[in-house]
Amino acid sequence: AYSPLGSAEGGRDLIHDQTVDRIAKKLNKSPGQLLVKWAIQRGTSVIPKSTNPNRIRENVAVFNWEVPQQDFKNLSNIPDQRRVLDGEELFVNQSEGILKSVEDVWDHED
């Protein structure tokens, strides 16, 4: 997942979502840890980025616990879920690239 925590700039800011905050507090984890772990549990490859040493340590500390089933379901049911970035600016090159559209980037996934 590119930008697994969302983005405040033109996307969905998941790190400040009320459901994420409530579950993170319940599990005594940071919202970032919860979102990274949730993505891993659902089978998404996750590449969190940070230059902050404390956040880097948090991002690594997601392998010795699980998001409980009901909390996992609640995270999966957050309304208005969508890709934060569609990939067009990063990957589409209509004149020279093999990816000519956003649909090509996402292999026609919903």
PDB file of N, CA and C in Angstrom:
ATOM      1  N   ALA A   1       0.858  -1.172   0.000  1.00  0.00           N
ATOM      2  CA  ALA A   1       0.000   0.000   0.000  1.00  0.00           C
ATOM      3  C   ALA A   1       0.897   1.226   0.000  1.00  0.00           C
ATOM      4  N   TYR A   2       0.757   2.035  -0.988  1.00  0.00           N
ATOM      5  CA  TYR A   2       1.466   3.299  -1.009  1.00  0.00           C
ATOM      6  C   TYR A   2       0.638   4.273  -0.205  1.00  0.00           C
ATOM      7  N   SER A   3       1.216   4.958   0.731  1.00  0.00           N
ATOM      8  CA  SER A   3       0.517   5.905   1.594  1.00  0.00           C
ATOM      9  C   SER A   3      -0.569   5.203   2.419  1.00  0.00           C
ATOM     10  N   PRO A   4      -0.186   4.154   3.189  1.00  0.00           N
ATOM     11  CA  PRO A   4      -1.181   3.369   3.918  1.00  0.00           C
ATOM     12  C   PRO A   4      -1.908   4.121   5.029  1.00  0.00           C
ATOM     13  N   LEU A   5      -1.393   5.274   5.416  1.00  0.00           N
ATOM     14  CA  LEU A   5      -2.038   6.035   6.483  1.00  0.00           C
ATOM     15  C   LEU A   5      -2.940   7.137   5.933  1.00  0.00           C
ATOM     16  N   GLY A   6      -3.039   7.219   4.643  1.00  0.00           N
ATOM     17  CA  GLY A   6      -3.831   8.270   4.031  1.00  0.00           C
ATOM     18  C   GLY A   6      -2.999   9.508   3.802  1.00  0.00           C
ATOM     19  N   SER A   7      -3.677  10.558   3.394  1.00  0.00           N
ATOM     20  CA  SER A   7      -2.984  11.799   3.084  1.00  0.00           C
ATOM     21  C   SER A   7      -3.909  12.968   3.350  1.00  0.00           C
ATOM     22  N   ALA A   8      -3.432  13.939   4.082  1.00  0.00           N
ATOM     23  CA  ALA A   8      -4.236  15.132   4.350  1.00  0.00           C
ATOM     24  C   ALA A   8      -4.289  16.037   3.127  1.00  0.00           C
ATOM     25  N   GLU A   9      -3.396  15.823   2.180  1.00  0.00           N
ATOM     26  CA  GLU A   9      -3.325  16.670   0.993  1.00  0.00           C
ATOM     27  C   GLU A   9      -4.088  16.032  -0.160  1.00  0.00           C
ATOM     28  N   GLY A  10      -5.369  16.328  -0.271  1.00  0.00           N
ATOM     29  CA  GLY A  10      -6.158  15.871  -1.396  1.00  0.00           C
ATOM     30  C   GLY A  10      -6.642  14.440  -1.317  1.00  0.00           C
ATOM     31  N   GLY A  11      -6.512  13.799  -0.179  1.00  0.00           N
ATOM     32  CA  GLY A  11      -6.964  12.419  -0.058  1.00  0.00           C
ATOM     33  C   GLY A  11      -7.704  12.206   1.235  1.00  0.00           C
ATOM     34  N   ARG A  12      -7.811  10.978   1.654  1.00  0.00           N
ATOM     35  CA  ARG A  12      -8.496  10.615   2.888  1.00  0.00           C
ATOM     36  C   ARG A  12      -7.477  10.549   4.013  1.00  0.00           C
ATOM     37  N   ASP A  13      -7.660  11.345   5.045  1.00  0.00           N
ATOM     38  CA  ASP A  13      -6.731  11.415   6.174  1.00  0.00           C
ATOM     39  C   ASP A  13      -7.107  10.353   7.200  1.00  0.00           C
ATOM     40  N   LEU A  14      -6.718   9.110   6.956  1.00  0.00           N
ATOM     41  CA  LEU A  14      -7.105   7.989   7.808  1.00  0.00           C
ATOM     42  C   LEU A  14      -6.499   8.058   9.197  1.00  0.00           C
ATOM     43  N   ILE A  15      -5.367   8.678   9.331  1.00  0.00           N
ATOM     44  CA  ILE A  15      -4.668   8.727  10.615  1.00  0.00           C
ATOM     45  C   ILE A  15      -5.494   9.473  11.669  1.00  0.00           C
ATOM     46  N   HIS A  16      -6.427  10.323  11.228  1.00  0.00           N
ATOM     47  CA  HIS A  16      -7.272  11.081  12.154  1.00  0.00           C
ATOM     48  C   HIS A  16      -8.737  10.633  12.125  1.00  0.00           C
ATOM     49  N   ASP A  17      -9.007   9.483  11.544  1.00  0.00           N
ATOM     50  CA  ASP A  17     -10.371   8.952  11.493  1.00  0.00           C
ATOM     51  C   ASP A  17     -10.824   8.541  12.898  1.00  0.00           C
ATOM     52  N   GLN A  18     -12.073   8.837  13.254  1.00  0.00           N
ATOM     53  CA  GLN A  18     -12.572   8.554  14.602  1.00  0.00           C
ATOM     54  C   GLN A  18     -12.577   7.060  14.920  1.00  0.00           C
ATOM     55  N   THR A  19     -12.927   6.230  13.948  1.00  0.00           N
ATOM     56  CA  THR A  19     -12.932   4.784  14.172  1.00  0.00           C
ATOM     57  C   THR A  19     -11.516   4.290  14.431  1.00  0.00           C
ATOM     58  N   VAL A  20     -10.565   4.759  13.630  1.00  0.00           N
ATOM     59  CA  VAL A  20      -9.163   4.379  13.805  1.00  0.00           C
ATOM     60  C   VAL A  20      -8.676   4.818  15.181  1.00  0.00           C
ATOM     61  N   ASP A  21      -8.982   6.040  15.563  1.00  0.00           N
ATOM     62  CA  ASP A  21      -8.540   6.562  16.852  1.00  0.00           C
ATOM     63  C   ASP A  21      -9.108   5.743  18.011  1.00  0.00           C
ATOM     64  N   ARG A  22     -10.389   5.431  17.945  1.00  0.00           N
ATOM     65  CA  ARG A  22     -11.041   4.670  19.020  1.00  0.00           C
ATOM     66  C   ARG A  22     -10.423   3.282  19.174  1.00  0.00           C
ATOM     67  N   ILE A  23     -10.223   2.585  18.071  1.00  0.00           N
ATOM     68  CA  ILE A  23      -9.666   1.235  18.130  1.00  0.00           C
ATOM     69  C   ILE A  23      -8.199   1.270  18.558  1.00  0.00           C
ATOM     70  N   ALA A  24      -7.451   2.242  18.069  1.00  0.00           N
ATOM     71  CA  ALA A  24      -6.042   2.359  18.457  1.00  0.00           C
ATOM     72  C   ALA A  24      -5.912   2.560  19.965  1.00  0.00           C
ATOM     73  N   LYS A  25      -6.732   3.426  20.515  1.00  0.00           N
ATOM     74  CA  LYS A  25      -6.696   3.647  21.967  1.00  0.00           C
ATOM     75  C   LYS A  25      -7.051   2.378  22.723  1.00  0.00           C
ATOM     76  N   LYS A  26      -8.071   1.680  22.247  1.00  0.00           N
ATOM     77  CA  LYS A  26      -8.502   0.440  22.886  1.00  0.00           C
ATOM     78  C   LYS A  26      -7.374  -0.587  22.912  1.00  0.00           C
ATOM     79  N   LEU A  27      -6.593  -0.672  21.832  1.00  0.00           N
ATOM     80  CA  LEU A  27      -5.518  -1.648  21.718  1.00  0.00           C
ATOM     81  C   LEU A  27      -4.181  -1.132  22.235  1.00  0.00           C
ATOM     82  N   ASN A  28      -4.180   0.121  22.709  1.00  0.00           N
ATOM     83  CA  ASN A  28      -2.958   0.754  23.202  1.00  0.00           C
ATOM     84  C   ASN A  28      -1.872   0.812  22.120  1.00  0.00           C
ATOM     85  N   LYS A  29      -2.299   1.191  20.915  1.00  0.00           N
ATOM     86  CA  LYS A  29      -1.405   1.337  19.771  1.00  0.00           C
ATOM     87  C   LYS A  29      -1.600   2.730  19.192  1.00  0.00           C
ATOM     88  N   SER A  30      -0.670   3.164  18.376  1.00  0.00           N
ATOM     89  CA  SER A  30      -0.850   4.444  17.684  1.00  0.00           C
ATOM     90  C   SER A  30      -1.773   4.213  16.480  1.00  0.00           C
ATOM     91  N   PRO A  31      -2.443   5.253  15.999  1.00  0.00           N
ATOM     92  CA  PRO A  31      -3.255   5.092  14.789  1.00  0.00           C
ATOM     93  C   PRO A  31      -2.426   4.571  13.615  1.00  0.00           C
ATOM     94  N   GLY A  32      -1.187   5.013  13.502  1.00  0.00           N
ATOM     95  CA  GLY A  32      -0.323   4.527  12.427  1.00  0.00           C
ATOM     96  C   GLY A  32      -0.066   3.035  12.527  1.00  0.00           C
ATOM     97  N   GLN A  33       0.238   2.571  13.730  1.00  0.00           N
ATOM     98  CA  GLN A  33       0.458   1.132  13.928  1.00  0.00           C
ATOM     99  C   GLN A  33      -0.792   0.344  13.555  1.00  0.00           C
ATOM    100  N   LEU A  34      -1.941   0.837  13.989  1.00  0.00           N
ATOM    101  CA  LEU A  34      -3.192   0.143  13.702  1.00  0.00           C
ATOM    102  C   LEU A  34      -3.437   0.043  12.206  1.00  0.00           C
ATOM    103  N   LEU A  35      -3.240   1.132  11.472  1.00  0.00           N
ATOM    104  CA  LEU A  35      -3.489   1.116  10.037  1.00  0.00           C
ATOM    105  C   LEU A  35      -2.500   0.216   9.298  1.00  0.00           C
ATOM    106  N   VAL A  36      -1.243   0.235   9.711  1.00  0.00           N
ATOM    107  CA  VAL A  36      -0.259  -0.643   9.077  1.00  0.00           C
ATOM    108  C   VAL A  36      -0.623  -2.099   9.344  1.00  0.00           C
ATOM    109  N   LYS A  37      -0.955  -2.424  10.597  1.00  0.00           N
ATOM    110  CA  LYS A  37      -1.304  -3.801  10.949  1.00  0.00           C
ATOM    111  C   LYS A  37      -2.567  -4.256  10.239  1.00  0.00           C
ATOM    112  N   TRP A  38      -3.564  -3.387  10.158  1.00  0.00           N
ATOM    113  CA  TRP A  38      -4.820  -3.714   9.470  1.00  0.00           C
ATOM    114  C   TRP A  38      -4.543  -4.056   8.003  1.00  0.00           C
ATOM    115  N   ALA A  39      -3.711  -3.259   7.359  1.00  0.00           N
ATOM    116  CA  ALA A  39      -3.390  -3.518   5.955  1.00  0.00           C
ATOM    117  C   ALA A  39      -2.653  -4.849   5.811  1.00  0.00           C
ATOM    118  N   ILE A  40      -1.716  -5.131   6.709  1.00  0.00           N
ATOM    119  CA  ILE A  40      -0.987  -6.399   6.653  1.00  0.00           C
ATOM    120  C   ILE A  40      -1.950  -7.564   6.866  1.00  0.00           C
ATOM    121  N   GLN A  41      -2.837  -7.446   7.845  1.00  0.00           N
ATOM    122  CA  GLN A  41      -3.787  -8.521   8.139  1.00  0.00           C
ATOM    123  C   GLN A  41      -4.718  -8.792   6.966  1.00  0.00           C
ATOM    124  N   ARG A  42      -5.029  -7.764   6.168  1.00  0.00           N
ATOM    125  CA  ARG A  42      -5.918  -8.009   5.031  1.00  0.00           C
ATOM    126  C   ARG A  42      -5.165  -8.434   3.791  1.00  0.00           C
ATOM    127  N   GLY A  43      -3.835  -8.602   3.914  1.00  0.00           N
ATOM    128  CA  GLY A  43      -3.055  -9.146   2.823  1.00  0.00           C
ATOM    129  C   GLY A  43      -2.457  -8.119   1.882  1.00  0.00           C
ATOM    130  N   THR A  44      -2.409  -6.864   2.313  1.00  0.00           N
ATOM    131  CA  THR A  44      -1.838  -5.804   1.493  1.00  0.00           C
ATOM    132  C   THR A  44      -0.362  -5.642   1.831  1.00  0.00           C
ATOM    133  N   SER A  45       0.462  -5.524   0.813  1.00  0.00           N
ATOM    134  CA  SER A  45       1.866  -5.183   1.050  1.00  0.00           C
ATOM    135  C   SER A  45       1.916  -3.731   1.483  1.00  0.00           C
ATOM    136  N   VAL A  46       2.615  -3.451   2.551  1.00  0.00           N
ATOM    137  CA  VAL A  46       2.610  -2.109   3.125  1.00  0.00           C
ATOM    138  C   VAL A  46       4.032  -1.559   3.165  1.00  0.00           C
ATOM    139  N   ILE A  47       4.182  -0.331   2.694  1.00  0.00           N
ATOM    140  CA  ILE A  47       5.483   0.342   2.733  1.00  0.00           C
ATOM    141  C   ILE A  47       5.287   1.706   3.397  1.00  0.00           C
ATOM    142  N   PRO A  48       5.274   1.746   4.741  1.00  0.00           N
ATOM    143  CA  PRO A  48       5.149   3.044   5.407  1.00  0.00           C
ATOM    144  C   PRO A  48       6.454   3.822   5.294  1.00  0.00           C
ATOM    145  N   LYS A  49       6.344   5.122   5.192  1.00  0.00           N
ATOM    146  CA  LYS A  49       7.530   5.969   5.063  1.00  0.00           C
ATOM    147  C   LYS A  49       7.553   6.978   6.197  1.00  0.00           C
ATOM    148  N   SER A  50       8.718   7.134   6.787  1.00  0.00           N
ATOM    149  CA  SER A  50       8.892   8.154   7.804  1.00  0.00           C
ATOM    150  C   SER A  50      10.375   8.449   7.955  1.00  0.00           C
ATOM    151  N   THR A  51      10.660   9.666   8.337  1.00  0.00           N
ATOM    152  CA  THR A  51      12.039  10.020   8.701  1.00  0.00           C
ATOM    153  C   THR A  51      12.152  10.207  10.206  1.00  0.00           C
ATOM    154  N   ASN A  52      11.026  10.080  10.904  1.00  0.00           N
ATOM    155  CA  ASN A  52      10.979  10.235  12.346  1.00  0.00           C
ATOM    156  C   ASN A  52      11.354   8.901  13.007  1.00  0.00           C
ATOM    157  N   PRO A  53      12.444   8.862  13.780  1.00  0.00           N
ATOM    158  CA  PRO A  53      12.881   7.594  14.390  1.00  0.00           C
ATOM    159  C   PRO A  53      11.798   6.906  15.233  1.00  0.00           C
ATOM    160  N   ASN A  54      11.003   7.664  15.971  1.00  0.00           N
ATOM    161  CA  ASN A  54       9.946   7.056  16.788  1.00  0.00           C
ATOM    162  C   ASN A  54       8.878   6.406  15.913  1.00  0.00           C
ATOM    163  N   ARG A  55       8.505   7.050  14.834  1.00  0.00           N
ATOM    164  CA  ARG A  55       7.502   6.468  13.934  1.00  0.00           C
ATOM    165  C   ARG A  55       8.053   5.244  13.222  1.00  0.00           C
ATOM    166  N   ILE A  56       9.315   5.277  12.872  1.00  0.00           N
ATOM    167  CA  ILE A  56       9.930   4.103  12.243  1.00  0.00           C
ATOM    168  C   ILE A  56       9.866   2.915  13.196  1.00  0.00           C
ATOM    169  N   ARG A  57      10.177   3.136  14.466  1.00  0.00           N
ATOM    170  CA  ARG A  57      10.086   2.063  15.464  1.00  0.00           C
ATOM    171  C   ARG A  57       8.639   1.566  15.590  1.00  0.00           C
ATOM    172  N   GLU A  58       7.676   2.492  15.590  1.00  0.00           N
ATOM    173  CA  GLU A  58       6.267   2.096  15.663  1.00  0.00           C
ATOM    174  C   GLU A  58       5.873   1.257  14.446  1.00  0.00           C
ATOM    175  N   ASN A  59       6.328   1.670  13.275  1.00  0.00           N
ATOM    176  CA  ASN A  59       5.970   0.955  12.046  1.00  0.00           C
ATOM    177  C   ASN A  59       6.485  -0.480  12.043  1.00  0.00           C
ATOM    178  N   VAL A  60       7.596  -0.722  12.724  1.00  0.00           N
ATOM    179  CA  VAL A  60       8.164  -2.061  12.777  1.00  0.00           C
ATOM    180  C   VAL A  60       7.482  -2.905  13.851  1.00  0.00           C
ATOM    181  N   ALA A  61       6.907  -2.278  14.847  1.00  0.00           N
ATOM    182  CA  ALA A  61       6.324  -3.002  15.989  1.00  0.00           C
ATOM    183  C   ALA A  61       4.879  -3.420  15.719  1.00  0.00           C
ATOM    184  N   VAL A  62       4.658  -4.084  14.598  1.00  0.00           N
ATOM    185  CA  VAL A  62       3.298  -4.501  14.248  1.00  0.00           C
ATOM    186  C   VAL A  62       3.189  -6.010  14.023  1.00  0.00           C
ATOM    187  N   PHE A  63       4.209  -6.748  14.412  1.00  0.00           N
ATOM    188  CA  PHE A  63       4.219  -8.172  14.083  1.00  0.00           C
ATOM    189  C   PHE A  63       3.927  -9.098  15.248  1.00  0.00           C
ATOM    190  N   ASN A  64       3.780  -8.590  16.460  1.00  0.00           N
ATOM    191  CA  ASN A  64       3.554  -9.480  17.601  1.00  0.00           C
ATOM    192  C   ASN A  64       2.152  -9.329  18.185  1.00  0.00           C
ATOM    193  N   TRP A  65       1.205  -8.848  17.381  1.00  0.00           N
ATOM    194  CA  TRP A  65      -0.173  -8.686  17.846  1.00  0.00           C
ATOM    195  C   TRP A  65      -1.106  -8.706  16.632  1.00  0.00           C
ATOM    196  N   GLU A  66      -2.383  -8.858  16.894  1.00  0.00           N
ATOM    197  CA  GLU A  66      -3.404  -8.898  15.841  1.00  0.00           C
ATOM    198  C   GLU A  66      -4.511  -7.900  16.151  1.00  0.00           C
ATOM    199  N   VAL A  67      -5.143  -7.396  15.116  1.00  0.00           N
ATOM    200  CA  VAL A  67      -6.352  -6.595  15.285  1.00  0.00           C
ATOM    201  C   VAL A  67      -7.493  -7.588  15.497  1.00  0.00           C
ATOM    202  N   PRO A  68      -8.221  -7.504  16.624  1.00  0.00           N
ATOM    203  CA  PRO A  68      -9.326  -8.434  16.866  1.00  0.00           C
ATOM    204  C   PRO A  68     -10.358  -8.389  15.733  1.00  0.00           C
ATOM    205  N   GLN A  69     -11.026  -9.508  15.534  1.00  0.00           N
ATOM    206  CA  GLN A  69     -11.933  -9.676  14.396  1.00  0.00           C
ATOM    207  C   GLN A  69     -12.973  -8.554  14.282  1.00  0.00           C
ATOM    208  N   GLN A  70     -13.638  -8.199  15.373  1.00  0.00           N
ATOM    209  CA  GLN A  70     -14.676  -7.166  15.291  1.00  0.00           C
ATOM    210  C   GLN A  70     -14.066  -5.796  14.964  1.00  0.00           C
ATOM    211  N   ASP A  71     -12.929  -5.495  15.544  1.00  0.00           N
ATOM    212  CA  ASP A  71     -12.256  -4.228  15.233  1.00  0.00           C
ATOM    213  C   ASP A  71     -11.781  -4.215  13.778  1.00  0.00           C
ATOM    214  N   PHE A  72     -11.266  -5.354  13.305  1.00  0.00           N
ATOM    215  CA  PHE A  72     -10.854  -5.473  11.908  1.00  0.00           C
ATOM    216  C   PHE A  72     -12.038  -5.196  10.982  1.00  0.00           C
ATOM    217  N   LYS A  73     -13.171  -5.765  11.335  1.00  0.00           N
ATOM    218  CA  LYS A  73     -14.397  -5.558  10.536  1.00  0.00           C
ATOM    219  C   LYS A  73     -14.800  -4.085  10.557  1.00  0.00           C
ATOM    220  N   ASN A  74     -14.729  -3.462  11.727  1.00  0.00           N
ATOM    221  CA  ASN A  74     -15.085  -2.040  11.826  1.00  0.00           C
ATOM    222  C   ASN A  74     -14.154  -1.172  10.976  1.00  0.00           C
ATOM    223  N   LEU A  75     -12.870  -1.487  10.958  1.00  0.00           N
ATOM    224  CA  LEU A  75     -11.934  -0.741  10.117  1.00  0.00           C
ATOM    225  C   LEU A  75     -12.251  -0.962   8.639  1.00  0.00           C
ATOM    226  N   SER A  76     -12.597  -2.187   8.298  1.00  0.00           N
ATOM    227  CA  SER A  76     -12.909  -2.505   6.906  1.00  0.00           C
ATOM    228  C   SER A  76     -14.188  -1.842   6.436  1.00  0.00           C
ATOM    229  N   ASN A  77     -15.036  -1.454   7.375  1.00  0.00           N
ATOM    230  CA  ASN A  77     -16.316  -0.828   7.030  1.00  0.00           C
ATOM    231  C   ASN A  77     -16.309   0.688   7.161  1.00  0.00           C
ATOM    232  N   ILE A  78     -15.141   1.292   7.303  1.00  0.00           N
ATOM    233  CA  ILE A  78     -15.079   2.754   7.327  1.00  0.00           C
ATOM    234  C   ILE A  78     -15.680   3.264   6.026  1.00  0.00           C
ATOM    235  N   PRO A  79     -16.650   4.173   6.104  1.00  0.00           N
ATOM    236  CA  PRO A  79     -17.293   4.659   4.874  1.00  0.00           C
ATOM    237  C   PRO A  79     -16.322   5.460   4.004  1.00  0.00           C
ATOM    238  N   ASP A  80     -16.663   5.539   2.755  1.00  0.00           N
ATOM    239  CA  ASP A  80     -15.913   6.328   1.779  1.00  0.00           C
ATOM    240  C   ASP A  80     -14.486   5.829   1.627  1.00  0.00           C
ATOM    241  N   GLN A  81     -14.314   4.504   1.657  1.00  0.00           N
ATOM    242  CA  GLN A  81     -12.978   3.975   1.423  1.00  0.00           C
ATOM    243  C   GLN A  81     -12.674   4.084  -0.059  1.00  0.00           C
ATOM    244  N   ARG A  82     -11.487   4.524  -0.346  1.00  0.00           N
ATOM    245  CA  ARG A  82     -11.043   4.652  -1.727  1.00  0.00           C
ATOM    246  C   ARG A  82      -9.541   4.766  -1.721  1.00  0.00           C
ATOM    247  N   ARG A  83      -8.975   4.626  -2.859  1.00  0.00           N
ATOM    248  CA  ARG A  83      -7.529   4.818  -2.952  1.00  0.00           C
ATOM    249  C   ARG A  83      -7.224   6.277  -2.679  1.00  0.00           C
ATOM    250  N   VAL A  84      -6.218   6.520  -1.893  1.00  0.00           N
ATOM    251  CA  VAL A  84      -5.825   7.891  -1.608  1.00  0.00           C
ATOM    252  C   VAL A  84      -5.153   8.486  -2.841  1.00  0.00           C
ATOM    253  N   LEU A  85      -4.368   7.685  -3.527  1.00  0.00           N
ATOM    254  CA  LEU A  85      -3.726   8.106  -4.767  1.00  0.00           C
ATOM    255  C   LEU A  85      -4.167   7.155  -5.865  1.00  0.00           C
ATOM    256  N   ASP A  86      -4.495   7.677  -7.038  1.00  0.00           N
ATOM    257  CA  ASP A  86      -4.923   6.784  -8.105  1.00  0.00           C
ATOM    258  C   ASP A  86      -3.775   6.282  -8.962  1.00  0.00           C
ATOM    259  N   GLY A  87      -2.592   6.849  -8.799  1.00  0.00           N
ATOM    260  CA  GLY A  87      -1.420   6.375  -9.507  1.00  0.00           C
ATOM    261  C   GLY A  87      -1.129   7.076 -10.813  1.00  0.00           C
ATOM    262  N   GLU A  88      -2.051   7.914 -11.261  1.00  0.00           N
ATOM    263  CA  GLU A  88      -1.863   8.540 -12.567  1.00  0.00           C
ATOM    264  C   GLU A  88      -0.587   9.375 -12.645  1.00  0.00           C
ATOM    265  N   GLU A  89      -0.380  10.237 -11.666  1.00  0.00           N
ATOM    266  CA  GLU A  89       0.801  11.110 -11.699  1.00  0.00           C
ATOM    267  C   GLU A  89       2.098  10.325 -11.608  1.00  0.00           C
ATOM    268  N   LEU A  90       2.076   9.193 -10.927  1.00  0.00           N
ATOM    269  CA  LEU A  90       3.295   8.425 -10.713  1.00  0.00           C
ATOM    270  C   LEU A  90       3.612   7.447 -11.840  1.00  0.00           C
ATOM    271  N   PHE A  91       2.588   6.840 -12.452  1.00  0.00           N
ATOM    272  CA  PHE A  91       2.837   5.700 -13.313  1.00  0.00           C
ATOM    273  C   PHE A  91       2.352   5.823 -14.758  1.00  0.00           C
ATOM    274  N   VAL A  92       1.394   6.680 -15.025  1.00  0.00           N
ATOM    275  CA  VAL A  92       0.812   6.748 -16.364  1.00  0.00           C
ATOM    276  C   VAL A  92       1.649   7.652 -17.269  1.00  0.00           C
ATOM    277  N   ASN A  93       1.986   7.125 -18.424  1.00  0.00           N
ATOM    278  CA  ASN A  93       2.657   7.895 -19.476  1.00  0.00           C
ATOM    279  C   ASN A  93       1.956   7.541 -20.777  1.00  0.00           C
ATOM    280  N   GLN A  94       0.979   8.357 -21.185  1.00  0.00           N
ATOM    281  CA  GLN A  94       0.135   8.026 -22.322  1.00  0.00           C
ATOM    282  C   GLN A  94       0.892   7.938 -23.636  1.00  0.00           C
ATOM    283  N   SER A  95       1.989   8.660 -23.776  1.00  0.00           N
ATOM    284  CA  SER A  95       2.690   8.656 -25.055  1.00  0.00           C
ATOM    285  C   SER A  95       3.764   7.580 -25.162  1.00  0.00           C
ATOM    286  N   GLU A  96       4.424   7.225 -24.060  1.00  0.00           N
ATOM    287  CA  GLU A  96       5.560   6.307 -24.156  1.00  0.00           C
ATOM    288  C   GLU A  96       5.480   5.093 -23.243  1.00  0.00           C
ATOM    289  N   GLY A  97       4.671   5.137 -22.199  1.00  0.00           N
ATOM    290  CA  GLY A  97       4.677   4.059 -21.215  1.00  0.00           C
ATOM    291  C   GLY A  97       3.771   2.909 -21.579  1.00  0.00           C
ATOM    292  N   ILE A  98       3.948   1.794 -20.873  1.00  0.00           N
ATOM    293  CA  ILE A  98       3.058   0.658 -21.077  1.00  0.00           C
ATOM    294  C   ILE A  98       1.743   0.853 -20.330  1.00  0.00           C
ATOM    295  N   LEU A  99       1.737   1.744 -19.329  1.00  0.00           N
ATOM    296  CA  LEU A  99       0.519   2.058 -18.592  1.00  0.00           C
ATOM    297  C   LEU A  99      -0.059   3.339 -19.168  1.00  0.00           C
ATOM    298  N   LYS A 100      -1.116   3.213 -19.945  1.00  0.00           N
ATOM    299  CA  LYS A 100      -1.691   4.353 -20.667  1.00  0.00           C
ATOM    300  C   LYS A 100      -2.828   5.025 -19.904  1.00  0.00           C
ATOM    301  N   SER A 101      -3.316   4.370 -18.836  1.00  0.00           N
ATOM    302  CA  SER A 101      -4.443   4.917 -18.076  1.00  0.00           C
ATOM    303  C   SER A 101      -4.376   4.427 -16.635  1.00  0.00           C
ATOM    304  N   VAL A 102      -5.181   5.039 -15.775  1.00  0.00           N
ATOM    305  CA  VAL A 102      -5.263   4.606 -14.379  1.00  0.00           C
ATOM    306  C   VAL A 102      -5.802   3.182 -14.303  1.00  0.00           C
ATOM    307  N   GLU A 103      -6.704   2.829 -15.199  1.00  0.00           N
ATOM    308  CA  GLU A 103      -7.253   1.469 -15.219  1.00  0.00           C
ATOM    309  C   GLU A 103      -6.149   0.440 -15.434  1.00  0.00           C
ATOM    310  N   ASP A 104      -5.160   0.786 -16.258  1.00  0.00           N
ATOM    311  CA  ASP A 104      -4.037  -0.124 -16.476  1.00  0.00           C
ATOM    312  C   ASP A 104      -3.199  -0.287 -15.212  1.00  0.00           C
ATOM    313  N   VAL A 105      -3.055   0.793 -14.448  1.00  0.00           N
ATOM    314  CA  VAL A 105      -2.287   0.741 -13.205  1.00  0.00           C
ATOM    315  C   VAL A 105      -2.917  -0.250 -12.238  1.00  0.00           C
ATOM    316  N   TRP A 106      -4.229  -0.191 -12.108  1.00  0.00           N
ATOM    317  CA  TRP A 106      -4.920  -0.999 -11.099  1.00  0.00           C
ATOM    318  C   TRP A 106      -5.480  -2.290 -11.653  1.00  0.00           C
ATOM    319  N   ASP A 107      -5.114  -2.655 -12.874  1.00  0.00           N
ATOM    320  CA  ASP A 107      -5.524  -3.934 -13.432  1.00  0.00           C
ATOM    321  C   ASP A 107      -7.036  -4.106 -13.378  1.00  0.00           C
ATOM    322  N   HIS A 108      -7.728  -3.005 -13.593  1.00  0.00           N
ATOM    323  CA  HIS A 108      -9.204  -2.959 -13.654  1.00  0.00           C
ATOM    324  C   HIS A 108      -9.859  -3.406 -12.351  1.00  0.00           C
ATOM    325  N   GLU A 109      -9.181  -3.209 -11.216  1.00  0.00           N
ATOM    326  CA  GLU A 109      -9.759  -3.500  -9.904  1.00  0.00           C
ATOM    327  C   GLU A 109     -10.710  -2.379  -9.518  1.00  0.00           C
ATOM    328  N   ASP A 110     -11.651  -2.702  -8.656  1.00  0.00           N
ATOM    329  CA  ASP A 110     -12.557  -1.660  -8.130  1.00  0.00           C
ATOM    330  C   ASP A 110     -11.845  -0.826  -7.107  1.00  0.00           C
TER     331      ASP A 110
END
